[in-house]
Amino acid sequence: MKNVNINLDSIEKVREFVDTISKFKADFDITSGTKDIDAKSILGFLTLDLSKPMNLTIHDSDETDQILEAIKPFTVE
């Protein structure tokens, strides 16, 4: 399991992010405050505050390195 902070401050970025991670077989979860959603669900993002960074959990995957490279534009320190 790998945790990464991401920033998706517009619905356009959410769409791009979901399109990017949907190419992978891994399971992903987003945690924002007390809410957890499936990161491949655009509708789930509509329940979150997009103005704040969120935590992405990448569940065990053989593709973790490729996933981290693909989502680099969305990550924050």
PDB file of N, CA and C in Angstrom:
ATOM      1  N   MET A   1       0.849  -1.169   0.000  1.00  0.00           N
ATOM      2  CA  MET A   1       0.000   0.000   0.000  1.00  0.00           C
ATOM      3  C   MET A   1       0.901   1.240   0.000  1.00  0.00           C
ATOM      4  N   LYS A   2       0.524   2.218  -0.807  1.00  0.00           N
ATOM      5  CA  LYS A   2       1.290   3.462  -0.925  1.00  0.00           C
ATOM      6  C   LYS A   2       0.329   4.626  -0.785  1.00  0.00           C
ATOM      7  N   ASN A   3       0.704   5.638   0.000  1.00  0.00           N
ATOM      8  CA  ASN A   3      -0.107   6.848   0.182  1.00  0.00           C
ATOM      9  C   ASN A   3       0.596   8.039  -0.438  1.00  0.00           C
ATOM     10  N   VAL A   4      -0.184   8.856  -1.155  1.00  0.00           N
ATOM     11  CA  VAL A   4       0.342  10.027  -1.845  1.00  0.00           C
ATOM     12  C   VAL A   4      -0.662  11.158  -1.667  1.00  0.00           C
ATOM     13  N   ASN A   5      -0.181  12.369  -1.437  1.00  0.00           N
ATOM     14  CA  ASN A   5      -1.058  13.538  -1.394  1.00  0.00           C
ATOM     15  C   ASN A   5      -1.235  14.089  -2.797  1.00  0.00           C
ATOM     16  N   ILE A   6      -2.483  14.386  -3.149  1.00  0.00           N
ATOM     17  CA  ILE A   6      -2.779  14.933  -4.468  1.00  0.00           C
ATOM     18  C   ILE A   6      -3.634  16.184  -4.334  1.00  0.00           C
ATOM     19  N   ASN A   7      -3.606  16.997  -5.380  1.00  0.00           N
ATOM     20  CA  ASN A   7      -4.424  18.198  -5.421  1.00  0.00           C
ATOM     21  C   ASN A   7      -5.208  18.192  -6.732  1.00  0.00           C
ATOM     22  N   LEU A   8      -6.520  18.166  -6.617  1.00  0.00           N
ATOM     23  CA  LEU A   8      -7.417  18.188  -7.773  1.00  0.00           C
ATOM     24  C   LEU A   8      -8.391  19.334  -7.549  1.00  0.00           C
ATOM     25  N   ASP A   9      -7.968  20.546  -7.883  1.00  0.00           N
ATOM     26  CA  ASP A   9      -8.743  21.725  -7.520  1.00  0.00           C
ATOM     27  C   ASP A   9      -9.774  22.166  -8.555  1.00  0.00           C
ATOM     28  N   SER A  10     -10.035  21.317  -9.543  1.00  0.00           N
ATOM     29  CA  SER A  10     -11.092  21.609 -10.525  1.00  0.00           C
ATOM     30  C   SER A  10     -11.674  20.296 -11.016  1.00  0.00           C
ATOM     31  N   ILE A  11     -12.878  20.356 -11.521  1.00  0.00           N
ATOM     32  CA  ILE A  11     -13.528  19.141 -12.028  1.00  0.00           C
ATOM     33  C   ILE A  11     -12.786  18.615 -13.259  1.00  0.00           C
ATOM     34  N   GLU A  12     -12.140  19.502 -14.009  1.00  0.00           N
ATOM     35  CA  GLU A  12     -11.341  19.079 -15.162  1.00  0.00           C
ATOM     36  C   GLU A  12     -10.145  18.230 -14.706  1.00  0.00           C
ATOM     37  N   LYS A  13      -9.488  18.657 -13.632  1.00  0.00           N
ATOM     38  CA  LYS A  13      -8.380  17.864 -13.093  1.00  0.00           C
ATOM     39  C   LYS A  13      -8.878  16.520 -12.556  1.00  0.00           C
ATOM     40  N   VAL A  14     -10.055  16.521 -11.950  1.00  0.00           N
ATOM     41  CA  VAL A  14     -10.641  15.267 -11.463  1.00  0.00           C
ATOM     42  C   VAL A  14     -10.847  14.318 -12.632  1.00  0.00           C
ATOM     43  N   ARG A  15     -11.418  14.813 -13.724  1.00  0.00           N
ATOM     44  CA  ARG A  15     -11.661  13.973 -14.906  1.00  0.00           C
ATOM     45  C   ARG A  15     -10.350  13.414 -15.453  1.00  0.00           C
ATOM     46  N   GLU A  16      -9.338  14.261 -15.577  1.00  0.00           N
ATOM     47  CA  GLU A  16      -8.033  13.812 -16.070  1.00  0.00           C
ATOM     48  C   GLU A  16      -7.425  12.762 -15.144  1.00  0.00           C
ATOM     49  N   PHE A  17      -7.537  12.988 -13.838  1.00  0.00           N
ATOM     50  CA  PHE A  17      -6.993  12.057 -12.858  1.00  0.00           C
ATOM     51  C   PHE A  17      -7.697  10.701 -12.940  1.00  0.00           C
ATOM     52  N   VAL A  18      -9.023  10.718 -12.967  1.00  0.00           N
ATOM     53  CA  VAL A  18      -9.785   9.464 -13.037  1.00  0.00           C
ATOM     54  C   VAL A  18      -9.473   8.731 -14.339  1.00  0.00           C
ATOM     55  N   ASP A  19      -9.368   9.456 -15.443  1.00  0.00           N
ATOM     56  CA  ASP A  19      -8.988   8.827 -16.721  1.00  0.00           C
ATOM     57  C   ASP A  19      -7.613   8.166 -16.609  1.00  0.00           C
ATOM     58  N   THR A  20      -6.687   8.837 -15.934  1.00  0.00           N
ATOM     59  CA  THR A  20      -5.328   8.314 -15.790  1.00  0.00           C
ATOM     60  C   THR A  20      -5.292   7.047 -14.957  1.00  0.00           C
ATOM     61  N   ILE A  21      -5.903   7.061 -13.787  1.00  0.00           N
ATOM     62  CA  ILE A  21      -5.811   5.885 -12.911  1.00  0.00           C
ATOM     63  C   ILE A  21      -6.700   4.734 -13.371  1.00  0.00           C
ATOM     64  N   SER A  22      -7.708   5.023 -14.174  1.00  0.00           N
ATOM     65  CA  SER A  22      -8.593   3.965 -14.655  1.00  0.00           C
ATOM     66  C   SER A  22      -7.881   3.018 -15.615  1.00  0.00           C
ATOM     67  N   LYS A  23      -6.729   3.412 -16.100  1.00  0.00           N
ATOM     68  CA  LYS A  23      -5.943   2.563 -17.000  1.00  0.00           C
ATOM     69  C   LYS A  23      -5.228   1.446 -16.249  1.00  0.00           C
ATOM     70  N   PHE A  24      -5.215   1.538 -14.929  1.00  0.00           N
ATOM     71  CA  PHE A  24      -4.504   0.558 -14.109  1.00  0.00           C
ATOM     72  C   PHE A  24      -5.494  -0.375 -13.404  1.00  0.00           C
ATOM     73  N   LYS A  25      -5.044  -1.590 -13.116  1.00  0.00           N
ATOM     74  CA  LYS A  25      -5.900  -2.587 -12.465  1.00  0.00           C
ATOM     75  C   LYS A  25      -6.015  -2.383 -10.961  1.00  0.00           C
ATOM     76  N   ALA A  26      -5.104  -1.639 -10.381  1.00  0.00           N
ATOM     77  CA  ALA A  26      -5.058  -1.453  -8.927  1.00  0.00           C
ATOM     78  C   ALA A  26      -6.325  -0.790  -8.394  1.00  0.00           C
ATOM     79  N   ASP A  27      -6.554  -0.980  -7.105  1.00  0.00           N
ATOM     80  CA  ASP A  27      -7.635  -0.287  -6.405  1.00  0.00           C
ATOM     81  C   ASP A  27      -7.065   0.967  -5.773  1.00  0.00           C
ATOM     82  N   PHE A  28      -7.846   2.047  -5.819  1.00  0.00           N
ATOM     83  CA  PHE A  28      -7.433   3.337  -5.291  1.00  0.00           C
ATOM     84  C   PHE A  28      -8.539   3.898  -4.412  1.00  0.00           C
ATOM     85  N   ASP A  29      -8.162   4.524  -3.313  1.00  0.00           N
ATOM     86  CA  ASP A  29      -9.110   5.223  -2.450  1.00  0.00           C
ATOM     87  C   ASP A  29      -8.615   6.642  -2.225  1.00  0.00           C
ATOM     88  N   ILE A  30      -9.561   7.559  -2.064  1.00  0.00           N
ATOM     89  CA  ILE A  30      -9.263   8.950  -1.736  1.00  0.00           C
ATOM     90  C   ILE A  30      -9.836   9.222  -0.348  1.00  0.00           C
ATOM     91  N   THR A  31      -9.034   9.852   0.496  1.00  0.00           N
ATOM     92  CA  THR A  31      -9.491  10.294   1.805  1.00  0.00           C
ATOM     93  C   THR A  31      -9.369  11.812   1.860  1.00  0.00           C
ATOM     94  N   SER A  32     -10.466  12.443   2.220  1.00  0.00           N
ATOM     95  CA  SER A  32     -10.493  13.894   2.374  1.00  0.00           C
ATOM     96  C   SER A  32     -11.286  14.180   3.643  1.00  0.00           C
ATOM     97  N   GLY A  33     -10.583  14.648   4.652  1.00  0.00           N
ATOM     98  CA  GLY A  33     -11.244  14.849   5.936  1.00  0.00           C
ATOM     99  C   GLY A  33     -11.690  13.504   6.480  1.00  0.00           C
ATOM    100  N   THR A  34     -12.990  13.356   6.719  1.00  0.00           N
ATOM    101  CA  THR A  34     -13.524  12.095   7.237  1.00  0.00           C
ATOM    102  C   THR A  34     -14.172  11.246   6.159  1.00  0.00           C
ATOM    103  N   LYS A  35     -14.102  11.694   4.900  1.00  0.00           N
ATOM    104  CA  LYS A  35     -14.753  10.973   3.807  1.00  0.00           C
ATOM    105  C   LYS A  35     -13.745  10.132   3.039  1.00  0.00           C
ATOM    106  N   ASP A  36     -14.166   8.910   2.705  1.00  0.00           N
ATOM    107  CA  ASP A  36     -13.388   8.003   1.854  1.00  0.00           C
ATOM    108  C   ASP A  36     -14.223   7.668   0.634  1.00  0.00           C
ATOM    109  N   ILE A  37     -13.590   7.736  -0.555  1.00  0.00           N
ATOM    110  CA  ILE A  37     -14.303   7.378  -1.781  1.00  0.00           C
ATOM    111  C   ILE A  37     -13.416   6.496  -2.649  1.00  0.00           C
ATOM    112  N   ASP A  38     -14.033   5.829  -3.596  1.00  0.00           N
ATOM    113  CA  ASP A  38     -13.314   5.097  -4.632  1.00  0.00           C
ATOM    114  C   ASP A  38     -12.742   6.142  -5.580  1.00  0.00           C
ATOM    115  N   ALA A  39     -11.425   6.152  -5.767  1.00  0.00           N
ATOM    116  CA  ALA A  39     -10.777   7.196  -6.565  1.00  0.00           C
ATOM    117  C   ALA A  39     -11.097   7.091  -8.055  1.00  0.00           C
ATOM    118  N   LYS A  40     -11.682   5.988  -8.487  1.00  0.00           N
ATOM    119  CA  LYS A  40     -12.059   5.849  -9.899  1.00  0.00           C
ATOM    120  C   LYS A  40     -13.481   6.343 -10.158  1.00  0.00           C
ATOM    121  N   SER A  41     -14.122   6.921  -9.150  1.00  0.00           N
ATOM    122  CA  SER A  41     -15.504   7.387  -9.245  1.00  0.00           C
ATOM    123  C   SER A  41     -15.564   8.913  -9.320  1.00  0.00           C
ATOM    124  N   ILE A  42     -15.876   9.428 -10.502  1.00  0.00           N
ATOM    125  CA  ILE A  42     -16.016  10.880 -10.655  1.00  0.00           C
ATOM    126  C   ILE A  42     -17.134  11.395  -9.745  1.00  0.00           C
ATOM    127  N   LEU A  43     -18.214  10.663  -9.647  1.00  0.00           N
ATOM    128  CA  LEU A  43     -19.326  11.098  -8.791  1.00  0.00           C
ATOM    129  C   LEU A  43     -18.903  11.207  -7.333  1.00  0.00           C
ATOM    130  N   GLY A  44     -18.043  10.312  -6.879  1.00  0.00           N
ATOM    131  CA  GLY A  44     -17.558  10.374  -5.504  1.00  0.00           C
ATOM    132  C   GLY A  44     -16.828  11.680  -5.217  1.00  0.00           C
ATOM    133  N   PHE A  45     -16.088  12.178  -6.205  1.00  0.00           N
ATOM    134  CA  PHE A  45     -15.350  13.425  -6.022  1.00  0.00           C
ATOM    135  C   PHE A  45     -16.280  14.618  -5.810  1.00  0.00           C
ATOM    136  N   LEU A  46     -17.492  14.527  -6.324  1.00  0.00           N
ATOM    137  CA  LEU A  46     -18.440  15.632  -6.169  1.00  0.00           C
ATOM    138  C   LEU A  46     -18.856  15.845  -4.713  1.00  0.00           C
ATOM    139  N   THR A  47     -18.579  14.863  -3.853  1.00  0.00           N
ATOM    140  CA  THR A  47     -18.915  14.979  -2.432  1.00  0.00           C
ATOM    141  C   THR A  47     -17.762  15.557  -1.614  1.00  0.00           C
ATOM    142  N   LEU A  48     -16.626  15.816  -2.267  1.00  0.00           N
ATOM    143  CA  LEU A  48     -15.424  16.264  -1.552  1.00  0.00           C
ATOM    144  C   LEU A  48     -15.161  17.751  -1.756  1.00  0.00           C
ATOM    145  N   ASP A  49     -14.404  18.312  -0.852  1.00  0.00           N
ATOM    146  CA  ASP A  49     -13.940  19.697  -0.958  1.00  0.00           C
ATOM    147  C   ASP A  49     -12.677  19.687  -1.824  1.00  0.00           C
ATOM    148  N   LEU A  50     -12.796  20.130  -3.072  1.00  0.00           N
ATOM    149  CA  LEU A  50     -11.677  20.084  -4.008  1.00  0.00           C
ATOM    150  C   LEU A  50     -10.640  21.170  -3.760  1.00  0.00           C
ATOM    151  N   SER A  51     -10.914  22.087  -2.847  1.00  0.00           N
ATOM    152  CA  SER A  51      -9.972  23.178  -2.599  1.00  0.00           C
ATOM    153  C   SER A  51      -8.798  22.752  -1.705  1.00  0.00           C
ATOM    154  N   LYS A  52      -8.888  21.551  -1.134  1.00  0.00           N
ATOM    155  CA  LYS A  52      -7.845  21.076  -0.224  1.00  0.00           C
ATOM    156  C   LYS A  52      -7.177  19.824  -0.793  1.00  0.00           C
ATOM    157  N   PRO A  53      -5.885  19.638  -0.504  1.00  0.00           N
ATOM    158  CA  PRO A  53      -5.225  18.394  -0.928  1.00  0.00           C
ATOM    159  C   PRO A  53      -5.899  17.179  -0.294  1.00  0.00           C
ATOM    160  N   MET A  54      -5.805  16.051  -0.984  1.00  0.00           N
ATOM    161  CA  MET A  54      -6.416  14.807  -0.533  1.00  0.00           C
ATOM    162  C   MET A  54      -5.357  13.719  -0.466  1.00  0.00           C
ATOM    163  N   ASN A  55      -5.657  12.658   0.239  1.00  0.00           N
ATOM    164  CA  ASN A  55      -4.735  11.533   0.341  1.00  0.00           C
ATOM    165  C   ASN A  55      -5.215  10.407  -0.563  1.00  0.00           C
ATOM    166  N   LEU A  56      -4.341   9.974  -1.453  1.00  0.00           N
ATOM    167  CA  LEU A  56      -4.624   8.847  -2.346  1.00  0.00           C
ATOM    168  C   LEU A  56      -3.939   7.616  -1.795  1.00  0.00           C
ATOM    169  N   THR A  57      -4.685   6.534  -1.657  1.00  0.00           N
ATOM    170  CA  THR A  57      -4.118   5.246  -1.262  1.00  0.00           C
ATOM    171  C   THR A  57      -4.124   4.336  -2.480  1.00  0.00           C
ATOM    172  N   ILE A  58      -2.943   3.865  -2.841  1.00  0.00           N
ATOM    173  CA  ILE A  58      -2.802   2.893  -3.926  1.00  0.00           C
ATOM    174  C   ILE A  58      -2.641   1.546  -3.244  1.00  0.00           C
ATOM    175  N   HIS A  59      -3.604   0.679  -3.429  1.00  0.00           N
ATOM    176  CA  HIS A  59      -3.538  -0.638  -2.796  1.00  0.00           C
ATOM    177  C   HIS A  59      -2.550  -1.503  -3.557  1.00  0.00           C
ATOM    178  N   ASP A  60      -2.024  -2.504  -2.895  1.00  0.00           N
ATOM    179  CA  ASP A  60      -0.952  -3.331  -3.431  1.00  0.00           C
ATOM    180  C   ASP A  60      -1.108  -3.584  -4.925  1.00  0.00           C
ATOM    181  N   SER A  61      -0.040  -3.241  -5.652  1.00  0.00           N
ATOM    182  CA  SER A  61      -0.067  -3.386  -7.100  1.00  0.00           C
ATOM    183  C   SER A  61       1.352  -3.601  -7.605  1.00  0.00           C
ATOM    184  N   ASP A  62       1.472  -4.401  -8.641  1.00  0.00           N
ATOM    185  CA  ASP A  62       2.763  -4.582  -9.302  1.00  0.00           C
ATOM    186  C   ASP A  62       3.107  -3.365 -10.149  1.00  0.00           C
ATOM    187  N   GLU A  63       2.126  -2.490 -10.345  1.00  0.00           N
ATOM    188  CA  GLU A  63       2.305  -1.329 -11.214  1.00  0.00           C
ATOM    189  C   GLU A  63       2.549  -0.032 -10.442  1.00  0.00           C
ATOM    190  N   THR A  64       2.885  -0.118  -9.174  1.00  0.00           N
ATOM    191  CA  THR A  64       2.985   1.083  -8.343  1.00  0.00           C
ATOM    192  C   THR A  64       3.924   2.126  -8.935  1.00  0.00           C
ATOM    193  N   ASP A  65       5.084   1.715  -9.423  1.00  0.00           N
ATOM    194  CA  ASP A  65       6.031   2.685  -9.987  1.00  0.00           C
ATOM    195  C   ASP A  65       5.444   3.391 -11.205  1.00  0.00           C
ATOM    196  N   GLN A  66       4.760   2.645 -12.071  1.00  0.00           N
ATOM    197  CA  GLN A  66       4.134   3.245 -13.255  1.00  0.00           C
ATOM    198  C   GLN A  66       3.003   4.178 -12.857  1.00  0.00           C
ATOM    199  N   ILE A  67       2.255   3.796 -11.835  1.00  0.00           N
ATOM    200  CA  ILE A  67       1.154   4.630 -11.351  1.00  0.00           C
ATOM    201  C   ILE A  67       1.701   5.946 -10.801  1.00  0.00           C
ATOM    202  N   LEU A  68       2.735   5.867  -9.979  1.00  0.00           N
ATOM    203  CA  LEU A  68       3.311   7.077  -9.398  1.00  0.00           C
ATOM    204  C   LEU A  68       3.826   8.022 -10.482  1.00  0.00           C
ATOM    205  N   GLU A  69       4.404   7.477 -11.530  1.00  0.00           N
ATOM    206  CA  GLU A  69       4.874   8.309 -12.642  1.00  0.00           C
ATOM    207  C   GLU A  69       3.694   8.951 -13.368  1.00  0.00           C
ATOM    208  N   ALA A  70       2.628   8.198 -13.584  1.00  0.00           N
ATOM    209  CA  ALA A  70       1.461   8.695 -14.321  1.00  0.00           C
ATOM    210  C   ALA A  70       0.716   9.797 -13.560  1.00  0.00           C
ATOM    211  N   ILE A  71       0.705   9.711 -12.235  1.00  0.00           N
ATOM    212  CA  ILE A  71      -0.046  10.698 -11.442  1.00  0.00           C
ATOM    213  C   ILE A  71       0.830  11.850 -10.952  1.00  0.00           C
ATOM    214  N   LYS A  72       2.070  11.884 -11.364  1.00  0.00           N
ATOM    215  CA  LYS A  72       2.999  12.933 -10.906  1.00  0.00           C
ATOM    216  C   LYS A  72       2.441  14.351 -11.079  1.00  0.00           C
ATOM    217  N   PRO A  73       1.739  14.671 -12.188  1.00  0.00           N
ATOM    218  CA  PRO A  73       1.203  16.040 -12.328  1.00  0.00           C
ATOM    219  C   PRO A  73       0.179  16.426 -11.255  1.00  0.00           C
ATOM    220  N   PHE A  74      -0.382  15.449 -10.566  1.00  0.00           N
ATOM    221  CA  PHE A  74      -1.421  15.718  -9.577  1.00  0.00           C
ATOM    222  C   PHE A  74      -0.906  15.686  -8.134  1.00  0.00           C
ATOM    223  N   THR A  75       0.332  15.252  -7.930  1.00  0.00           N
ATOM    224  CA  THR A  75       0.844  15.071  -6.565  1.00  0.00           C
ATOM    225  C   THR A  75       1.362  16.387  -5.979  1.00  0.00           C
ATOM    226  N   VAL A  76       1.297  16.449  -4.654  1.00  0.00           N
ATOM    227  CA  VAL A  76       1.849  17.579  -3.903  1.00  0.00           C
ATOM    228  C   VAL A  76       2.682  17.037  -2.754  1.00  0.00           C
ATOM    229  N   GLU A  77       3.592  17.838  -2.280  1.00  0.00           N
ATOM    230  CA  GLU A  77       4.451  17.455  -1.149  1.00  0.00           C
ATOM    231  C   GLU A  77       3.754  17.689   0.159  1.00  0.00           C
TER     232      GLU A  77
END
